[in-house]
Amino acid sequence: MKLPSVKFLSDEHGAVTLDWVVLTASIVALGVGAIALLVNINTDMGVKIGNSLSGAEVVTVDLLPKTSSTGND
């Protein structure tokens, strides 16, 4: 008869569960790292675009004919 501790250590039920936990934790960690990297890159790009647009000159183009505001043409 085996001792309970030896029986517990030699039992492999649940080893697959541990593999899935480690695999899932690794995937989540990679995802969080990728999101953090992309947020940082997008923030920098947004600041650059905002700086470029803040110095841009807006030109008004009138292509429609002028109409009277009274409605009596």
Protein backbone atom coordinates (compact mmCIF):
# COMPACT_ATOMS: atom_id res chain seq x y z
CA MET A 1 0.00 0.00 0.00
CA LYS A 2 1.33 3.41 -1.02
CA LEU A 3 1.60 6.32 1.31
CA PRO A 4 -0.95 9.08 0.58
CA SER A 5 1.77 11.61 -0.27
CA VAL A 6 3.45 9.25 -2.76
CA LYS A 7 0.09 8.45 -4.32
CA PHE A 8 -0.72 12.18 -4.61
CA LEU A 9 2.64 13.03 -6.22
CA SER A 10 2.42 10.17 -8.72
CA ASP A 11 -1.15 11.02 -9.76
CA GLU A 12 -1.19 12.78 -13.15
CA HIS A 13 -4.86 13.77 -13.21
CA GLY A 14 -4.97 17.52 -13.47
CA ALA A 15 -1.59 17.86 -15.18
CA VAL A 16 -3.39 18.86 -18.38
CA THR A 17 -5.27 21.52 -16.44
CA LEU A 18 -1.98 22.98 -15.23
CA ASP A 19 -0.70 23.05 -18.82
CA TRP A 20 -3.78 24.99 -19.92
CA VAL A 21 -3.43 27.45 -17.04
CA VAL A 22 0.20 28.16 -17.93
CA LEU A 23 -0.63 28.46 -21.64
CA THR A 24 -3.57 30.78 -21.00
CA ALA A 25 -1.55 32.95 -18.62
CA SER A 26 1.20 33.27 -21.23
CA ILE A 27 -1.26 34.31 -23.94
CA VAL A 28 -2.88 36.87 -21.64
CA ALA A 29 0.52 38.30 -20.69
CA LEU A 30 1.50 38.63 -24.36
CA GLY A 31 -1.82 40.31 -25.14
CA VAL A 32 -1.45 42.83 -22.32
CA GLY A 33 2.10 43.62 -23.44
CA ALA A 34 1.02 44.11 -27.05
CA ILE A 35 -1.86 46.39 -26.03
CA ALA A 36 0.44 48.49 -23.83
CA LEU A 37 2.90 48.87 -26.70
CA LEU A 38 0.20 49.82 -29.21
CA VAL A 39 -1.38 52.37 -26.87
CA ASN A 40 1.99 54.07 -26.43
CA ILE A 41 2.66 54.16 -30.19
CA ASN A 42 -0.84 55.46 -30.97
CA THR A 43 -0.59 58.19 -28.33
CA ASP A 44 2.68 59.44 -29.82
CA MET A 45 1.20 59.38 -33.33
CA GLY A 46 -1.89 61.27 -32.14
CA VAL A 47 0.26 63.99 -30.60
CA LYS A 48 2.24 64.35 -33.84
CA ILE A 49 -0.94 64.58 -35.93
CA GLY A 50 -2.45 67.10 -33.50
CA ASN A 51 0.65 69.27 -33.67
CA SER A 52 0.62 69.18 -37.47
CA LEU A 53 -3.07 70.07 -37.69
CA SER A 54 -2.84 72.88 -35.14
CA GLY A 55 -0.54 74.81 -37.47
CA ALA A 56 -2.61 74.16 -40.60
CA GLU A 57 -4.37 77.00 -42.38
CA VAL A 58 -8.05 76.51 -43.19
CA VAL A 59 -9.17 77.85 -46.57
CA THR A 60 -12.85 78.51 -47.27
CA VAL A 61 -14.00 77.60 -50.77
CA ASP A 62 -17.35 79.05 -51.93
CA LEU A 63 -18.71 76.99 -54.80
CA LEU A 64 -22.43 77.59 -54.30
CA PRO A 65 -24.15 80.62 -55.87
CA LYS A 66 -25.28 83.35 -53.52
CA THR A 67 -29.04 83.44 -52.83
CA SER A 68 -31.11 86.12 -51.22
CA SER A 69 -32.24 85.56 -47.68
CA THR A 70 -35.76 86.95 -48.31
CA GLY A 71 -36.88 84.17 -50.59
CA ASN A 72 -38.24 86.63 -53.22
CA ASP A 73 -36.01 85.88 -56.20
